[in-house]
mmCIF file of all heavy atoms, coordinates in Angstrom:
data_MODEL
# 
_entry.id   MODEL 
# 
loop_
_atom_site.group_PDB 
_atom_site.id 
_atom_site.type_symbol 
_atom_site.label_atom_id 
_atom_site.label_alt_id 
_atom_site.label_comp_id 
_atom_site.label_asym_id 
_atom_site.label_entity_id 
_atom_site.label_seq_id 
_atom_site.pdbx_PDB_ins_code 
_atom_site.Cartn_x 
_atom_site.Cartn_y 
_atom_site.Cartn_z 
_atom_site.occupancy 
_atom_site.B_iso_or_equiv 
_atom_site.pdbx_formal_charge 
_atom_site.auth_seq_id 
_atom_site.auth_comp_id 
_atom_site.auth_asym_id 
_atom_site.auth_atom_id 
_atom_site.pdbx_PDB_model_num 
ATOM 1   N N   . LYS A 1 1  ? -2.212  -13.020 -2.631  1.00 0.00 ? 1  LYS A N   1 
ATOM 2   C CA  . LYS A 1 1  ? -1.131  -12.070 -2.889  1.00 0.00 ? 1  LYS A CA  1 
ATOM 3   C C   . LYS A 1 1  ? -1.575  -10.679 -2.399  1.00 0.00 ? 1  LYS A C   1 
ATOM 4   O O   . LYS A 1 1  ? -2.685  -10.226 -2.680  1.00 0.00 ? 1  LYS A O   1 
ATOM 5   C CB  . LYS A 1 1  ? -0.823  -12.005 -4.398  1.00 0.00 ? 1  LYS A CB  1 
ATOM 6   C CG  . LYS A 1 1  ? -0.567  -13.354 -5.047  1.00 0.00 ? 1  LYS A CG  1 
ATOM 7   C CD  . LYS A 1 1  ? 0.763   -13.955 -4.615  1.00 0.00 ? 1  LYS A CD  1 
ATOM 8   C CE  . LYS A 1 1  ? 1.961   -13.177 -5.125  1.00 0.00 ? 1  LYS A CE  1 
ATOM 9   N NZ  . LYS A 1 1  ? 2.078   -13.165 -6.605  1.00 0.00 ? 1  LYS A NZ  1 
ATOM 10  N N   . THR A 1 2  ? -0.681  -10.012 -1.681  1.00 0.00 ? 2  THR A N   1 
ATOM 11  C CA  . THR A 1 2  ? -1.071  -8.779  -0.995  1.00 0.00 ? 2  THR A CA  1 
ATOM 12  C C   . THR A 1 2  ? -0.600  -7.501  -1.693  1.00 0.00 ? 2  THR A C   1 
ATOM 13  O O   . THR A 1 2  ? 0.382   -7.487  -2.440  1.00 0.00 ? 2  THR A O   1 
ATOM 14  C CB  . THR A 1 2  ? -0.557  -8.777  0.444   1.00 0.00 ? 2  THR A CB  1 
ATOM 15  O OG1 . THR A 1 2  ? 0.866   -8.955  0.437   1.00 0.00 ? 2  THR A OG1 1 
ATOM 16  C CG2 . THR A 1 2  ? -1.198  -9.884  1.255   1.00 0.00 ? 2  THR A CG2 1 
ATOM 17  N N   . ASN A 1 3  ? -1.303  -6.435  -1.371  1.00 0.00 ? 3  ASN A N   1 
ATOM 18  C CA  . ASN A 1 3  ? -1.075  -5.110  -1.935  1.00 0.00 ? 3  ASN A CA  1 
ATOM 19  C C   . ASN A 1 3  ? 0.263   -4.525  -1.464  1.00 0.00 ? 3  ASN A C   1 
ATOM 20  O O   . ASN A 1 3  ? 0.766   -4.871  -0.387  1.00 0.00 ? 3  ASN A O   1 
ATOM 21  C CB  . ASN A 1 3  ? -2.227  -4.193  -1.517  1.00 0.00 ? 3  ASN A CB  1 
ATOM 22  C CG  . ASN A 1 3  ? -2.399  -3.008  -2.428  1.00 0.00 ? 3  ASN A CG  1 
ATOM 23  O OD1 . ASN A 1 3  ? -1.677  -2.830  -3.397  1.00 0.00 ? 3  ASN A OD1 1 
ATOM 24  N ND2 . ASN A 1 3  ? -3.378  -2.159  -2.113  1.00 0.00 ? 3  ASN A ND2 1 
ATOM 25  N N   . LEU A 1 4  ? 0.794   -3.612  -2.253  1.00 0.00 ? 4  LEU A N   1 
ATOM 26  C CA  . LEU A 1 4  ? 2.102   -3.022  -1.934  1.00 0.00 ? 4  LEU A CA  1 
ATOM 27  C C   . LEU A 1 4  ? 2.270   -1.685  -2.638  1.00 0.00 ? 4  LEU A C   1 
ATOM 28  O O   . LEU A 1 4  ? 1.562   -1.376  -3.595  1.00 0.00 ? 4  LEU A O   1 
ATOM 29  C CB  . LEU A 1 4  ? 3.237   -3.957  -2.367  1.00 0.00 ? 4  LEU A CB  1 
ATOM 30  C CG  . LEU A 1 4  ? 3.433   -4.198  -3.891  1.00 0.00 ? 4  LEU A CG  1 
ATOM 31  C CD1 . LEU A 1 4  ? 4.883   -4.535  -4.182  1.00 0.00 ? 4  LEU A CD1 1 
ATOM 32  C CD2 . LEU A 1 4  ? 2.520   -5.311  -4.398  1.00 0.00 ? 4  LEU A CD2 1 
ATOM 33  N N   . ASP A 1 5  ? 3.216   -0.893  -2.151  1.00 0.00 ? 5  ASP A N   1 
ATOM 34  C CA  . ASP A 1 5  ? 3.646   0.283   -2.904  1.00 0.00 ? 5  ASP A CA  1 
ATOM 35  C C   . ASP A 1 5  ? 4.260   -0.214  -4.209  1.00 0.00 ? 5  ASP A C   1 
ATOM 36  O O   . ASP A 1 5  ? 5.111   -1.126  -4.210  1.00 0.00 ? 5  ASP A O   1 
ATOM 37  C CB  . ASP A 1 5  ? 4.694   1.081   -2.117  1.00 0.00 ? 5  ASP A CB  1 
ATOM 38  C CG  . ASP A 1 5  ? 4.086   1.866   -0.966  1.00 0.00 ? 5  ASP A CG  1 
ATOM 39  O OD1 . ASP A 1 5  ? 3.049   2.508   -1.178  1.00 0.00 ? 5  ASP A OD1 1 
ATOM 40  O OD2 . ASP A 1 5  ? 4.662   1.837   0.140   1.00 0.00 ? 5  ASP A OD2 1 
ATOM 41  N N   . GLN A 1 6  ? 3.861   0.383   -5.297  1.00 0.00 ? 6  GLN A N   1 
ATOM 42  C CA  . GLN A 1 6  ? 4.260   -0.092  -6.618  1.00 0.00 ? 6  GLN A CA  1 
ATOM 43  C C   . GLN A 1 6  ? 5.771   -0.326  -6.712  1.00 0.00 ? 6  GLN A C   1 
ATOM 44  O O   . GLN A 1 6  ? 6.573   0.520   -6.323  1.00 0.00 ? 6  GLN A O   1 
ATOM 45  C CB  . GLN A 1 6  ? 3.818   0.920   -7.671  1.00 0.00 ? 6  GLN A CB  1 
ATOM 46  C CG  . GLN A 1 6  ? 3.911   0.409   -9.100  1.00 0.00 ? 6  GLN A CG  1 
ATOM 47  C CD  . GLN A 1 6  ? 3.327   1.414   -10.097 1.00 0.00 ? 6  GLN A CD  1 
ATOM 48  O OE1 . GLN A 1 6  ? 3.921   2.441   -10.349 1.00 0.00 ? 6  GLN A OE1 1 
ATOM 49  N NE2 . GLN A 1 6  ? 2.135   1.109   -10.624 1.00 0.00 ? 6  GLN A NE2 1 
ATOM 50  N N   . PHE A 1 7  ? 6.138   -1.503  -7.218  1.00 0.00 ? 7  PHE A N   1 
ATOM 51  C CA  . PHE A 1 7  ? 7.542   -1.928  -7.356  1.00 0.00 ? 7  PHE A CA  1 
ATOM 52  C C   . PHE A 1 7  ? 8.295   -1.824  -6.027  1.00 0.00 ? 7  PHE A C   1 
ATOM 53  O O   . PHE A 1 7  ? 9.505   -1.600  -6.005  1.00 0.00 ? 7  PHE A O   1 
ATOM 54  C CB  . PHE A 1 7  ? 8.256   -1.140  -8.462  1.00 0.00 ? 7  PHE A CB  1 
ATOM 55  C CG  . PHE A 1 7  ? 7.722   -1.445  -9.833  1.00 0.00 ? 7  PHE A CG  1 
ATOM 56  C CD1 . PHE A 1 7  ? 7.071   -0.458  -10.574 1.00 0.00 ? 7  PHE A CD1 1 
ATOM 57  C CD2 . PHE A 1 7  ? 7.837   -2.703  -10.376 1.00 0.00 ? 7  PHE A CD2 1 
ATOM 58  C CE1 . PHE A 1 7  ? 6.551   -0.741  -11.835 1.00 0.00 ? 7  PHE A CE1 1 
ATOM 59  C CE2 . PHE A 1 7  ? 7.321   -3.008  -11.628 1.00 0.00 ? 7  PHE A CE2 1 
ATOM 60  C CZ  . PHE A 1 7  ? 6.684   -2.022  -12.360 1.00 0.00 ? 7  PHE A CZ  1 
ATOM 61  N N   . ALA A 1 8  ? 7.546   -2.014  -4.938  1.00 0.00 ? 8  ALA A N   1 
ATOM 62  C CA  . ALA A 1 8  ? 8.155   -2.002  -3.589  1.00 0.00 ? 8  ALA A CA  1 
ATOM 63  C C   . ALA A 1 8  ? 8.937   -0.715  -3.345  1.00 0.00 ? 8  ALA A C   1 
ATOM 64  O O   . ALA A 1 8  ? 9.950   -0.720  -2.648  1.00 0.00 ? 8  ALA A O   1 
ATOM 65  C CB  . ALA A 1 8  ? 9.052   -3.222  -3.389  1.00 0.00 ? 8  ALA A CB  1 
ATOM 66  N N   . THR A 1 9  ? 8.435   0.386   -3.894  1.00 0.00 ? 9  THR A N   1 
ATOM 67  C CA  . THR A 1 9  ? 9.103   1.681   -3.764  1.00 0.00 ? 9  THR A CA  1 
ATOM 68  C C   . THR A 1 9  ? 8.250   2.604   -2.895  1.00 0.00 ? 9  THR A C   1 
ATOM 69  O O   . THR A 1 9  ? 7.337   3.272   -3.371  1.00 0.00 ? 9  THR A O   1 
ATOM 70  C CB  . THR A 1 9  ? 9.353   2.307   -5.158  1.00 0.00 ? 9  THR A CB  1 
ATOM 71  O OG1 . THR A 1 9  ? 10.141  1.401   -5.936  1.00 0.00 ? 9  THR A OG1 1 
ATOM 72  C CG2 . THR A 1 9  ? 10.091  3.623   -5.039  1.00 0.00 ? 9  THR A CG2 1 
ATOM 73  N N   . GLY A 1 10 ? 8.544   2.605   -1.610  1.00 0.00 ? 10 GLY A N   1 
ATOM 74  C CA  . GLY A 1 10 ? 7.809   3.444   -0.680  1.00 0.00 ? 10 GLY A CA  1 
ATOM 75  C C   . GLY A 1 10 ? 7.676   2.792   0.682   1.00 0.00 ? 10 GLY A C   1 
ATOM 76  O O   . GLY A 1 10 ? 7.763   1.565   0.821   1.00 0.00 ? 10 GLY A O   1 
ATOM 77  N N   . LEU A 1 11 ? 7.450   3.620   1.678   1.00 0.00 ? 11 LEU A N   1 
ATOM 78  C CA  . LEU A 1 11 ? 7.248   3.155   3.051   1.00 0.00 ? 11 LEU A CA  1 
ATOM 79  C C   . LEU A 1 11 ? 5.857   3.525   3.560   1.00 0.00 ? 11 LEU A C   1 
ATOM 80  O O   . LEU A 1 11 ? 5.607   3.514   4.757   1.00 0.00 ? 11 LEU A O   1 
ATOM 81  C CB  . LEU A 1 11 ? 8.314   3.774   3.975   1.00 0.00 ? 11 LEU A CB  1 
ATOM 82  C CG  . LEU A 1 11 ? 9.755   3.353   3.708   1.00 0.00 ? 11 LEU A CG  1 
ATOM 83  C CD1 . LEU A 1 11 ? 10.718  4.187   4.555   1.00 0.00 ? 11 LEU A CD1 1 
ATOM 84  C CD2 . LEU A 1 11 ? 9.951   1.872   3.990   1.00 0.00 ? 11 LEU A CD2 1 
ATOM 85  N N   . VAL A 1 12 ? 4.962   3.829   2.624   1.00 0.00 ? 12 VAL A N   1 
ATOM 86  C CA  . VAL A 1 12 ? 3.668   4.407   2.998   1.00 0.00 ? 12 VAL A CA  1 
ATOM 87  C C   . VAL A 1 12 ? 2.482   3.470   2.806   1.00 0.00 ? 12 VAL A C   1 
ATOM 88  O O   . VAL A 1 12 ? 1.503   3.532   3.539   1.00 0.00 ? 12 VAL A O   1 
ATOM 89  C CB  . VAL A 1 12 ? 3.433   5.725   2.229   1.00 0.00 ? 12 VAL A CB  1 
ATOM 90  C CG1 . VAL A 1 12 ? 4.351   6.807   2.756   1.00 0.00 ? 12 VAL A CG1 1 
ATOM 91  C CG2 . VAL A 1 12 ? 3.635   5.534   0.718   1.00 0.00 ? 12 VAL A CG2 1 
ATOM 92  N N   . GLY A 1 13 ? 2.523   2.631   1.771   1.00 0.00 ? 13 GLY A N   1 
ATOM 93  C CA  . GLY A 1 13 ? 1.424   1.710   1.508   1.00 0.00 ? 13 GLY A CA  1 
ATOM 94  C C   . GLY A 1 13 ? 0.280   2.279   0.704   1.00 0.00 ? 13 GLY A C   1 
ATOM 95  O O   . GLY A 1 13 ? -0.728  1.601   0.496   1.00 0.00 ? 13 GLY A O   1 
ATOM 96  N N   . VAL A 1 14 ? 0.402   3.520   0.243   1.00 0.00 ? 14 VAL A N   1 
ATOM 97  C CA  . VAL A 1 14 ? -0.699  4.147   -0.504  1.00 0.00 ? 14 VAL A CA  1 
ATOM 98  C C   . VAL A 1 14 ? -0.379  4.277   -1.997  1.00 0.00 ? 14 VAL A C   1 
ATOM 99  O O   . VAL A 1 14 ? -1.231  4.726   -2.768  1.00 0.00 ? 14 VAL A O   1 
ATOM 100 C CB  . VAL A 1 14 ? -1.036  5.542   0.073   1.00 0.00 ? 14 VAL A CB  1 
ATOM 101 C CG1 . VAL A 1 14 ? -1.428  5.426   1.534   1.00 0.00 ? 14 VAL A CG1 1 
ATOM 102 C CG2 . VAL A 1 14 ? 0.135   6.513   -0.096  1.00 0.00 ? 14 VAL A CG2 1 
ATOM 103 N N   . ARG A 1 15 ? 0.793   3.864   -2.401  1.00 0.00 ? 15 ARG A N   1 
ATOM 104 C CA  . ARG A 1 15 ? 1.219   4.032   -3.790  1.00 0.00 ? 15 ARG A CA  1 
ATOM 105 C C   . ARG A 1 15 ? 0.844   2.809   -4.622  1.00 0.00 ? 15 ARG A C   1 
ATOM 106 O O   . ARG A 1 15 ? 1.700   2.082   -5.129  1.00 0.00 ? 15 ARG A O   1 
ATOM 107 C CB  . ARG A 1 15 ? 2.730   4.268   -3.856  1.00 0.00 ? 15 ARG A CB  1 
ATOM 108 C CG  . ARG A 1 15 ? 3.199   5.526   -3.132  1.00 0.00 ? 15 ARG A CG  1 
ATOM 109 C CD  . ARG A 1 15 ? 4.713   5.583   -3.052  1.00 0.00 ? 15 ARG A CD  1 
ATOM 110 N NE  . ARG A 1 15 ? 5.188   6.868   -2.509  1.00 0.00 ? 15 ARG A NE  1 
ATOM 111 C CZ  . ARG A 1 15 ? 6.476   7.165   -2.290  1.00 0.00 ? 15 ARG A CZ  1 
ATOM 112 N NH1 . ARG A 1 15 ? 7.416   6.263   -2.564  1.00 0.00 ? 15 ARG A NH1 1 
ATOM 113 N NH2 . ARG A 1 15 ? 6.811   8.346   -1.805  1.00 0.00 ? 15 ARG A NH2 1 
ATOM 114 N N   . SER A 1 16 ? -0.428  2.563   -4.767  1.00 0.00 ? 16 SER A N   1 
ATOM 115 C CA  . SER A 1 16 ? -0.897  1.375   -5.477  1.00 0.00 ? 16 SER A CA  1 
ATOM 116 C C   . SER A 1 16 ? -2.174  1.670   -6.242  1.00 0.00 ? 16 SER A C   1 
ATOM 117 O O   . SER A 1 16 ? -3.098  2.287   -5.699  1.00 0.00 ? 16 SER A O   1 
ATOM 118 C CB  . SER A 1 16 ? -1.152  0.235   -4.486  1.00 0.00 ? 16 SER A CB  1 
ATOM 119 O OG  . SER A 1 16 ? -1.784  -0.858  -5.138  1.00 0.00 ? 16 SER A OG  1 
ATOM 120 N N   . PRO A 1 17 ? -2.268  1.191   -7.484  1.00 0.00 ? 17 PRO A N   1 
ATOM 121 C CA  . PRO A 1 17 ? -3.518  1.353   -8.226  1.00 0.00 ? 17 PRO A CA  1 
ATOM 122 C C   . PRO A 1 17 ? -4.609  0.407   -7.728  1.00 0.00 ? 17 PRO A C   1 
ATOM 123 O O   . PRO A 1 17 ? -5.760  0.507   -8.157  1.00 0.00 ? 17 PRO A O   1 
ATOM 124 C CB  . PRO A 1 17 ? -3.113  1.010   -9.663  1.00 0.00 ? 17 PRO A CB  1 
ATOM 125 C CG  . PRO A 1 17 ? -1.947  0.087   -9.512  1.00 0.00 ? 17 PRO A CG  1 
ATOM 126 C CD  . PRO A 1 17 ? -1.207  0.560   -8.292  1.00 0.00 ? 17 PRO A CD  1 
ATOM 127 N N   . TYR A 1 18 ? -4.261  -0.490  -6.803  1.00 0.00 ? 18 TYR A N   1 
ATOM 128 C CA  . TYR A 1 18 ? -5.232  -1.431  -6.247  1.00 0.00 ? 18 TYR A CA  1 
ATOM 129 C C   . TYR A 1 18 ? -5.837  -0.917  -4.939  1.00 0.00 ? 18 TYR A C   1 
ATOM 130 O O   . TYR A 1 18 ? -6.470  -1.672  -4.203  1.00 0.00 ? 18 TYR A O   1 
ATOM 131 C CB  . TYR A 1 18 ? -4.572  -2.799  -6.034  1.00 0.00 ? 18 TYR A CB  1 
ATOM 132 C CG  . TYR A 1 18 ? -4.106  -3.418  -7.336  1.00 0.00 ? 18 TYR A CG  1 
ATOM 133 C CD1 . TYR A 1 18 ? -2.782  -3.272  -7.748  1.00 0.00 ? 18 TYR A CD1 1 
ATOM 134 C CD2 . TYR A 1 18 ? -4.987  -4.109  -8.161  1.00 0.00 ? 18 TYR A CD2 1 
ATOM 135 C CE1 . TYR A 1 18 ? -2.347  -3.822  -8.946  1.00 0.00 ? 18 TYR A CE1 1 
ATOM 136 C CE2 . TYR A 1 18 ? -4.570  -4.663  -9.365  1.00 0.00 ? 18 TYR A CE2 1 
ATOM 137 C CZ  . TYR A 1 18 ? -3.245  -4.512  -9.754  1.00 0.00 ? 18 TYR A CZ  1 
ATOM 138 O OH  . TYR A 1 18 ? -2.818  -5.046  -10.961 1.00 0.00 ? 18 TYR A OH  1 
ATOM 139 N N   . GLY A 1 19 ? -5.652  0.363   -4.679  1.00 0.00 ? 19 GLY A N   1 
ATOM 140 C CA  . GLY A 1 19 ? -6.231  0.982   -3.486  1.00 0.00 ? 19 GLY A CA  1 
ATOM 141 C C   . GLY A 1 19 ? -5.183  1.266   -2.435  1.00 0.00 ? 19 GLY A C   1 
ATOM 142 O O   . GLY A 1 19 ? -4.171  0.575   -2.327  1.00 0.00 ? 19 GLY A O   1 
ATOM 143 N N   . GLU A 1 20 ? -5.409  2.324   -1.672  1.00 0.00 ? 20 GLU A N   1 
ATOM 144 C CA  . GLU A 1 20 ? -4.466  2.696   -0.619  1.00 0.00 ? 20 GLU A CA  1 
ATOM 145 C C   . GLU A 1 20 ? -4.599  1.747   0.568   1.00 0.00 ? 20 GLU A C   1 
ATOM 146 O O   . GLU A 1 20 ? -5.700  1.503   1.063   1.00 0.00 ? 20 GLU A O   1 
ATOM 147 C CB  . GLU A 1 20 ? -4.750  4.130   -0.139  1.00 0.00 ? 20 GLU A CB  1 
ATOM 148 C CG  . GLU A 1 20 ? -4.479  5.193   -1.195  1.00 0.00 ? 20 GLU A CG  1 
ATOM 149 C CD  . GLU A 1 20 ? -4.636  6.602   -0.632  1.00 0.00 ? 20 GLU A CD  1 
ATOM 150 O OE1 . GLU A 1 20 ? -5.101  6.747   0.524   1.00 0.00 ? 20 GLU A OE1 1 
ATOM 151 O OE2 . GLU A 1 20 ? -4.283  7.555   -1.353  1.00 0.00 ? 20 GLU A OE2 1 
ATOM 152 N N   . GLY A 1 21 ? -3.468  1.220   1.021   1.00 0.00 ? 21 GLY A N   1 
ATOM 153 C CA  . GLY A 1 21 ? -3.482  0.400   2.222   1.00 0.00 ? 21 GLY A CA  1 
ATOM 154 C C   . GLY A 1 21 ? -3.880  1.247   3.422   1.00 0.00 ? 21 GLY A C   1 
ATOM 155 O O   . GLY A 1 21 ? -3.395  2.372   3.587   1.00 0.00 ? 21 GLY A O   1 
ATOM 156 N N   . LYS A 1 22 ? -4.773  0.700   4.263   1.00 0.00 ? 22 LYS A N   1 
ATOM 157 C CA  . LYS A 1 22 ? -5.268  1.454   5.425   1.00 0.00 ? 22 LYS A CA  1 
ATOM 158 C C   . LYS A 1 22 ? -4.818  0.770   6.707   1.00 0.00 ? 22 LYS A C   1 
ATOM 159 O O   . LYS A 1 22 ? -4.822  -0.464  6.813   1.00 0.00 ? 22 LYS A O   1 
ATOM 160 C CB  . LYS A 1 22 ? -6.796  1.543   5.379   1.00 0.00 ? 22 LYS A CB  1 
ATOM 161 C CG  . LYS A 1 22 ? -7.311  2.279   4.154   1.00 0.00 ? 22 LYS A CG  1 
ATOM 162 C CD  . LYS A 1 22 ? -8.833  2.225   4.066   1.00 0.00 ? 22 LYS A CD  1 
ATOM 163 C CE  . LYS A 1 22 ? -9.342  2.863   2.773   1.00 0.00 ? 22 LYS A CE  1 
ATOM 164 N NZ  . LYS A 1 22 ? -10.810 2.739   2.658   1.00 0.00 ? 22 LYS A NZ  1 
ATOM 165 N N   . ASN A 1 23 ? -4.460  1.584   7.664   1.00 0.00 ? 23 ASN A N   1 
ATOM 166 C CA  . ASN A 1 23 ? -3.982  1.069   8.941   1.00 0.00 ? 23 ASN A CA  1 
ATOM 167 C C   . ASN A 1 23 ? -5.034  0.190   9.608   1.00 0.00 ? 23 ASN A C   1 
ATOM 168 O O   . ASN A 1 23 ? -6.222  0.507   9.590   1.00 0.00 ? 23 ASN A O   1 
ATOM 169 C CB  . ASN A 1 23 ? -3.602  2.237   9.853   1.00 0.00 ? 23 ASN A CB  1 
ATOM 170 C CG  . ASN A 1 23 ? -2.885  1.788   11.102  1.00 0.00 ? 23 ASN A CG  1 
ATOM 171 O OD1 . ASN A 1 23 ? -3.496  1.428   12.088  1.00 0.00 ? 23 ASN A OD1 1 
ATOM 172 N ND2 . ASN A 1 23 ? -1.562  1.809   11.044  1.00 0.00 ? 23 ASN A ND2 1 
ATOM 173 N N   . ALA A 1 24 ? -4.584  -0.895  10.217  1.00 0.00 ? 24 ALA A N   1 
ATOM 174 C CA  . ALA A 1 24 ? -5.505  -1.860  10.830  1.00 0.00 ? 24 ALA A CA  1 
ATOM 175 C C   . ALA A 1 24 ? -6.238  -1.290  12.039  1.00 0.00 ? 24 ALA A C   1 
ATOM 176 O O   . ALA A 1 24 ? -7.279  -1.816  12.442  1.00 0.00 ? 24 ALA A O   1 
ATOM 177 C CB  . ALA A 1 24 ? -4.735  -3.121  11.236  1.00 0.00 ? 24 ALA A CB  1 
ATOM 178 N N   . PHE A 1 25 ? -5.737  -0.181  12.626  1.00 0.00 ? 25 PHE A N   1 
ATOM 179 C CA  . PHE A 1 25 ? -6.334  0.398   13.829  1.00 0.00 ? 25 PHE A CA  1 
ATOM 180 C C   . PHE A 1 25 ? -7.095  1.694   13.554  1.00 0.00 ? 25 PHE A C   1 
ATOM 181 O O   . PHE A 1 25 ? -8.022  2.032   14.276  1.00 0.00 ? 25 PHE A O   1 
ATOM 182 C CB  . PHE A 1 25 ? -5.251  0.679   14.874  1.00 0.00 ? 25 PHE A CB  1 
ATOM 183 C CG  . PHE A 1 25 ? -4.590  -0.559  15.393  1.00 0.00 ? 25 PHE A CG  1 
ATOM 184 C CD1 . PHE A 1 25 ? -3.432  -1.034  14.810  1.00 0.00 ? 25 PHE A CD1 1 
ATOM 185 C CD2 . PHE A 1 25 ? -5.142  -1.272  16.443  1.00 0.00 ? 25 PHE A CD2 1 
ATOM 186 C CE1 . PHE A 1 25 ? -2.822  -2.193  15.277  1.00 0.00 ? 25 PHE A CE1 1 
ATOM 187 C CE2 . PHE A 1 25 ? -4.544  -2.421  16.921  1.00 0.00 ? 25 PHE A CE2 1 
ATOM 188 C CZ  . PHE A 1 25 ? -3.381  -2.893  16.327  1.00 0.00 ? 25 PHE A CZ  1 
ATOM 189 N N   . ASN A 1 26 ? -6.671  2.419   12.524  1.00 0.00 ? 26 ASN A N   1 
ATOM 190 C CA  . ASN A 1 26 ? -7.285  3.710   12.211  1.00 0.00 ? 26 ASN A CA  1 
ATOM 191 C C   . ASN A 1 26 ? -7.136  3.927   10.714  1.00 0.00 ? 26 ASN A C   1 
ATOM 192 O O   . ASN A 1 26 ? -6.034  4.206   10.219  1.00 0.00 ? 26 ASN A O   1 
ATOM 193 C CB  . ASN A 1 26 ? -6.593  4.828   12.994  1.00 0.00 ? 26 ASN A CB  1 
ATOM 194 C CG  . ASN A 1 26 ? -7.251  6.183   12.790  1.00 0.00 ? 26 ASN A CG  1 
ATOM 195 O OD1 . ASN A 1 26 ? -7.940  6.420   11.784  1.00 0.00 ? 26 ASN A OD1 1 
ATOM 196 N ND2 . ASN A 1 26 ? -7.040  7.105   13.720  1.00 0.00 ? 26 ASN A ND2 1 
# 
């Protein structure tokens, strides 16, 4: 199961207590 912006609210990927999602290239 993968990380997400909490309650699927956001287009950024950093709104998670499980760590900020980081871009695969940078």
